[in-house]
């Protein structure tokens, strides 16, 4: 139920439509897994216009216009998946409302089922190598700076891109010297009272000067989609393993960076170009 794609659909479709679909199973409702699949259409309803009986199809599983809190709807998650003999799909879900393209893509009968089913995950692999990663603090974005006692705040100025600075900056610092280092950046900084008071998934960049596992775990939840969490340990080590939702790296395109040095710029430099 906590998976980014298992949540309730919040936008992109009339909620009344979802109530009519038995295979829509968000949240704690039991689902049928099976994300990558190939299928053959054996029956269609009277109102179906774009699909016909007998078609063999690759299942495009990513319903990007149907947003959940942290990702989007998906076959095998908040819609029942392929690990069953038959699955019920609704044409209002499996036609892209923007492009009109089908989510069931016709494929030839002479292609192996495993080869067809692997098209979707292999496309994710290829895309991961084709991505261009941001290596600076997001210009015009939201930045959170957090510093634990005994850690120097350094390298932020060198981490700003040439085309601008963040529009919103919040800080949570333990020491006056840390706050003074931030003041020298000439930023309009809002002070945060506590990590727990910050909204989840709200910051494009989080720079954490520290090595507290519990705090790192809490901060990771505050990272927005496509955000960067830069952990600057300053030579210190975590006392225990840190539990991070790695699913958001794939589904939310979040990125974890960091350095054992004292400078935030070193953490950004470690991000592949």
Protein backbone atom coordinates (compact mmCIF):
# COMPACT_ATOMS: atom_id res chain seq x y z
CA UNK A 1 0.00 0.00 0.00
CA UNK A 2 2.96 2.34 0.52
CA UNK A 3 4.31 1.90 -3.02
CA UNK A 4 4.29 5.12 -5.04
CA UNK A 5 2.07 3.54 -7.69
CA UNK A 6 -0.34 1.75 -5.35
CA UNK A 7 -1.94 4.95 -4.05
CA UNK A 8 -5.25 6.54 -4.94
CA UNK A 9 -5.49 8.33 -8.29
CA UNK A 10 -5.78 12.04 -7.51
CA UNK A 11 -6.13 13.59 -10.95
CA UNK A 12 -6.43 12.90 -14.66
CA UNK A 13 -9.83 11.21 -14.67
CA UNK A 14 -13.33 11.61 -13.25
CA UNK A 15 -13.41 9.78 -9.88
CA UNK A 16 -16.81 8.42 -10.88
CA UNK A 17 -15.17 6.47 -13.70
CA UNK A 18 -12.81 4.77 -11.27
CA UNK A 19 -15.73 3.55 -9.17
CA UNK A 20 -16.98 1.64 -12.22
CA UNK A 21 -13.74 -0.32 -12.70
CA UNK A 22 -13.49 -3.52 -10.61
CA UNK A 23 -9.78 -3.94 -11.42
CA UNK A 24 -8.93 -0.55 -9.86
CA UNK A 25 -7.49 -1.57 -6.47
CA UNK A 26 -5.64 1.34 -4.81
CA UNK A 27 -4.25 1.58 -1.30
CA UNK A 28 -4.82 -1.40 0.96
CA UNK A 29 -7.02 -3.25 -1.51
CA UNK A 30 -5.39 -6.54 -2.60
CA UNK A 31 -4.03 -6.44 -6.13
CA UNK A 32 -2.78 -8.98 -8.67
CA UNK A 33 0.87 -8.29 -9.57
CA UNK A 34 2.35 -8.65 -13.01
CA UNK A 35 3.70 -5.39 -14.42
CA UNK A 36 5.30 -6.54 -17.68
CA UNK A 37 3.12 -8.66 -19.90
CA UNK A 38 1.82 -9.64 -23.31
CA UNK A 39 -1.85 -10.44 -23.79
CA UNK A 40 -4.48 -11.44 -26.31
CA UNK A 41 -7.85 -9.72 -26.33
CA UNK A 42 -10.61 -12.32 -25.96
CA UNK A 43 -13.63 -10.08 -25.43
CA UNK A 44 -14.62 -6.40 -25.73
CA UNK A 45 -17.59 -4.46 -24.44
CA UNK A 46 -20.24 -2.82 -26.62
CA UNK A 47 -18.78 0.68 -26.11
CA UNK A 48 -15.15 -0.23 -26.87
CA UNK A 49 -13.98 1.55 -30.04
CA UNK A 50 -10.19 1.12 -30.34
CA UNK A 51 -9.66 -2.57 -29.56
CA UNK A 52 -10.91 -5.77 -31.13
CA UNK A 53 -11.05 -9.45 -30.27
CA UNK A 54 -8.04 -11.47 -31.38
CA UNK A 55 -5.40 -8.74 -31.12
CA UNK A 56 -2.12 -9.76 -29.47
CA UNK A 57 -0.67 -6.82 -27.55
CA UNK A 58 2.26 -5.56 -25.56
CA UNK A 59 0.92 -4.02 -22.36
CA UNK A 60 2.11 -0.43 -21.88
CA UNK A 61 1.87 -0.25 -18.10
CA UNK A 62 2.58 3.37 -17.21
CA UNK A 63 -0.52 5.59 -17.01
CA UNK A 64 1.30 8.90 -16.64
CA UNK A 65 -1.71 11.22 -16.82
CA UNK A 66 -3.31 9.49 -13.83
CA UNK A 67 -1.37 10.94 -10.93
CA UNK A 68 -0.97 9.46 -7.46
CA UNK A 69 0.61 11.36 -4.57
CA UNK A 70 4.16 10.38 -5.49
CA UNK A 71 3.94 8.90 -8.98
CA UNK A 72 1.23 7.73 -11.37
CA UNK A 73 -1.16 4.84 -11.83
CA UNK A 74 0.17 1.58 -13.22
CA UNK A 75 -0.82 -1.89 -14.37
CA UNK A 76 0.04 -4.45 -11.71
CA UNK A 77 -0.09 -1.91 -8.89
CA UNK A 78 -3.28 0.11 -8.37
CA UNK A 79 -4.78 -1.73 -11.36
CA UNK A 80 -4.73 -5.53 -11.35
CA UNK A 81 -1.87 -7.00 -13.36
CA UNK A 82 -0.91 -9.92 -15.56
CA UNK A 83 -0.37 -12.81 -13.12
CA UNK A 84 -3.86 -14.19 -13.73
CA UNK A 85 -5.51 -15.93 -16.67
CA UNK A 86 -7.76 -12.98 -17.51
CA UNK A 87 -7.59 -9.30 -16.59
CA UNK A 88 -10.30 -6.69 -17.03
CA UNK A 89 -9.19 -3.35 -18.52
CA UNK A 90 -11.20 -0.20 -19.17
CA UNK A 91 -10.74 1.67 -22.45
CA UNK A 92 -10.98 4.98 -20.60
CA UNK A 93 -7.75 4.03 -18.82
CA UNK A 94 -5.81 2.41 -21.66
CA UNK A 95 -6.13 5.21 -24.23
CA UNK A 96 -3.82 8.18 -23.70
CA UNK A 97 -6.13 11.21 -23.30
CA UNK A 98 -3.54 13.61 -24.73
CA UNK A 99 -2.14 11.72 -27.74
CA UNK A 100 -4.95 9.23 -28.33
CA UNK A 101 -2.39 6.41 -28.45
CA UNK A 102 -3.25 2.93 -27.25
CA UNK A 103 -1.71 1.41 -24.13
CA UNK A 104 -2.19 -2.05 -25.63
CA UNK A 105 0.25 -2.05 -28.52
CA UNK A 106 -0.35 -4.64 -31.29
CA UNK A 107 2.49 -7.13 -31.82
CA UNK A 108 3.04 -9.92 -34.33
CA UNK A 109 2.27 -13.53 -33.49
CA UNK A 110 5.75 -14.72 -34.47
CA UNK A 111 7.44 -12.84 -31.60
CA UNK A 112 8.12 -14.74 -28.38
CA UNK A 113 6.01 -13.78 -25.36
CA UNK A 114 9.05 -13.22 -23.13
CA UNK A 115 10.69 -10.99 -25.74
CA UNK A 116 7.57 -8.86 -26.06
CA UNK A 117 7.05 -8.59 -22.30
CA UNK A 118 10.65 -7.45 -21.82
CA UNK A 119 10.20 -4.43 -24.10
CA UNK A 120 8.80 -2.33 -21.24
CA UNK A 121 11.51 -2.97 -18.59
CA UNK A 122 14.30 -2.82 -21.15
CA UNK A 123 13.05 0.58 -22.29
CA UNK A 124 13.49 1.74 -18.67
CA UNK A 125 17.08 0.47 -18.71
CA UNK A 126 17.89 2.29 -21.96
CA UNK A 127 16.24 5.49 -20.72
CA UNK A 128 18.32 5.43 -17.52
CA UNK A 129 21.50 5.63 -19.59
CA UNK A 130 20.09 8.37 -21.83
CA UNK A 131 19.13 10.75 -19.02
CA UNK A 132 20.98 13.99 -18.39
CA UNK A 133 21.41 14.61 -14.66
CA UNK A 134 21.36 17.98 -12.98
CA UNK A 135 24.63 18.67 -11.14
CA UNK A 136 23.76 21.94 -9.39
CA UNK A 137 21.07 23.33 -7.11
CA UNK A 138 17.89 23.92 -9.11
CA UNK A 139 17.55 27.50 -10.38
CA UNK A 140 14.13 28.82 -9.41
CA UNK A 141 13.48 25.79 -7.21
CA UNK A 142 13.03 25.12 -3.51
CA UNK A 143 16.13 24.45 -1.40
CA UNK A 144 16.31 23.05 2.14
CA UNK A 145 19.56 23.37 4.09
CA UNK A 146 19.93 21.28 7.25
CA UNK A 147 23.03 21.27 9.47
CA UNK A 148 23.70 19.19 12.58
CA UNK A 149 25.95 20.31 15.45
CA UNK A 150 29.66 20.21 14.66
CA UNK A 151 29.20 20.40 10.88
CA UNK A 152 30.42 23.27 8.73
CA UNK A 153 28.06 24.71 6.10
CA UNK A 154 30.24 25.01 3.02
CA UNK A 155 30.15 24.77 -0.76
CA UNK A 156 26.65 26.13 -1.36
CA UNK A 157 27.74 29.14 -3.41
CA UNK A 158 29.76 26.84 -5.67
CA UNK A 159 26.68 24.64 -6.10
CA UNK A 160 24.47 27.32 -7.64
CA UNK A 161 24.09 27.22 -11.44
CA UNK A 162 25.09 30.14 -13.61
CA UNK A 163 21.51 30.81 -14.68
CA UNK A 164 20.06 31.56 -11.25
CA UNK A 165 19.41 30.68 -7.65
CA UNK A 166 16.54 28.95 -5.87
CA UNK A 167 13.35 30.95 -5.38
CA UNK A 168 12.62 29.47 -1.95
CA UNK A 169 15.26 28.64 0.67
CA UNK A 170 14.58 27.14 4.09
CA UNK A 171 17.15 26.29 6.74
CA UNK A 172 17.31 24.22 9.90
CA UNK A 173 20.65 24.81 11.60
CA UNK A 174 21.95 23.89 15.04
CA UNK A 175 24.63 26.57 15.41
CA UNK A 176 24.98 30.32 14.87
CA UNK A 177 28.12 29.83 12.75
CA UNK A 178 26.10 27.71 10.32
CA UNK A 179 23.40 30.37 10.05
CA UNK A 180 26.08 33.01 9.46
CA UNK A 181 27.55 30.97 6.60
CA UNK A 182 24.12 30.92 4.97
CA UNK A 183 23.63 34.67 5.52
CA UNK A 184 26.76 35.39 3.46
CA UNK A 185 24.97 33.94 0.43
CA UNK A 186 22.56 36.90 0.35
CA UNK A 187 19.52 34.66 0.13
CA UNK A 188 16.06 35.26 1.55
CA UNK A 189 16.04 32.34 3.99
CA UNK A 190 13.08 31.08 5.99
CA UNK A 191 13.85 29.24 9.22
CA UNK A 192 12.26 25.82 9.70
CA UNK A 193 11.27 24.77 13.20
CA UNK A 194 11.60 21.03 12.74
CA UNK A 195 11.89 18.45 9.96
CA UNK A 196 8.54 16.93 10.89
CA UNK A 197 6.81 20.28 10.27
CA UNK A 198 7.93 20.40 6.63
CA UNK A 199 5.65 19.19 3.86
CA UNK A 200 6.54 15.88 2.22
CA UNK A 201 7.87 15.91 -1.36
CA UNK A 202 8.25 19.69 -1.38
CA UNK A 203 11.95 20.45 -2.03
CA UNK A 204 13.91 20.26 -5.30
CA UNK A 205 17.20 20.15 -3.37
CA UNK A 206 17.97 19.09 0.17
CA UNK A 207 21.52 19.62 1.37
CA UNK A 208 22.14 17.86 4.67
CA UNK A 209 25.33 18.58 6.59
CA UNK A 210 25.29 15.67 9.02
CA UNK A 211 25.34 11.92 9.54
CA UNK A 212 22.28 11.09 11.60
CA UNK A 213 20.40 8.12 10.13
CA UNK A 214 16.98 9.01 11.51
CA UNK A 215 17.24 12.58 10.27
CA UNK A 216 18.40 11.46 6.80
CA UNK A 217 15.40 9.12 6.58
CA UNK A 218 13.02 11.91 7.54
CA UNK A 219 14.60 14.35 5.10
CA UNK A 220 14.35 11.93 2.21
CA UNK A 221 10.56 12.08 2.51
CA UNK A 222 10.68 15.85 1.94
CA UNK A 223 12.31 15.48 -1.49
CA UNK A 224 10.11 16.33 -4.48
CA UNK A 225 9.97 14.32 -7.69
CA UNK A 226 13.18 14.80 -9.70
CA UNK A 227 14.83 16.27 -6.58
CA UNK A 228 18.39 15.78 -5.33
CA UNK A 229 19.28 14.81 -1.76
CA UNK A 230 22.90 15.81 -1.16
CA UNK A 231 24.34 14.32 2.04
CA UNK A 232 27.54 16.00 3.25
CA UNK A 233 28.94 13.97 6.14
CA UNK A 234 32.10 16.02 6.75
CA UNK A 235 34.16 12.94 7.50
CA UNK A 236 31.66 11.43 9.94
CA UNK A 237 29.82 8.14 9.44
CA UNK A 238 26.28 6.95 10.07
CA UNK A 239 25.95 4.85 13.21
CA UNK A 240 23.54 2.48 11.47
CA UNK A 241 22.20 1.68 8.04
CA UNK A 242 19.88 4.31 6.54
CA UNK A 243 16.50 3.15 5.23
CA UNK A 244 15.68 4.94 1.98
CA UNK A 245 12.69 4.45 -0.34
CA UNK A 246 14.68 3.44 -3.42
CA UNK A 247 11.44 3.01 -5.36
CA UNK A 248 11.25 6.79 -5.65
CA UNK A 249 14.59 6.78 -7.47
CA UNK A 250 12.90 4.87 -10.29
CA UNK A 251 9.33 6.12 -10.11
CA UNK A 252 9.93 9.66 -8.87
CA UNK A 253 13.33 10.21 -10.51
CA UNK A 254 14.81 11.37 -7.22
CA UNK A 255 18.57 11.28 -6.86
CA UNK A 256 20.85 10.64 -3.87
CA UNK A 257 24.27 12.26 -3.91
CA UNK A 258 26.84 13.04 -1.29
CA UNK A 259 30.37 13.28 -0.07
CA UNK A 260 32.54 12.51 2.95
CA UNK A 261 34.09 15.96 2.48
CA UNK A 262 32.76 19.17 4.04
CA UNK A 263 31.64 20.90 0.85
CA UNK A 264 28.21 20.47 -0.74
CA UNK A 265 29.82 21.19 -4.10
CA UNK A 266 31.77 17.94 -3.84
CA UNK A 267 28.51 16.02 -3.53
CA UNK A 268 27.08 17.62 -6.66
CA UNK A 269 30.31 16.94 -8.55
CA UNK A 270 29.86 13.20 -7.93
CA UNK A 271 26.65 13.19 -9.98
CA UNK A 272 27.37 11.79 -13.48
CA UNK A 273 27.25 14.38 -16.25
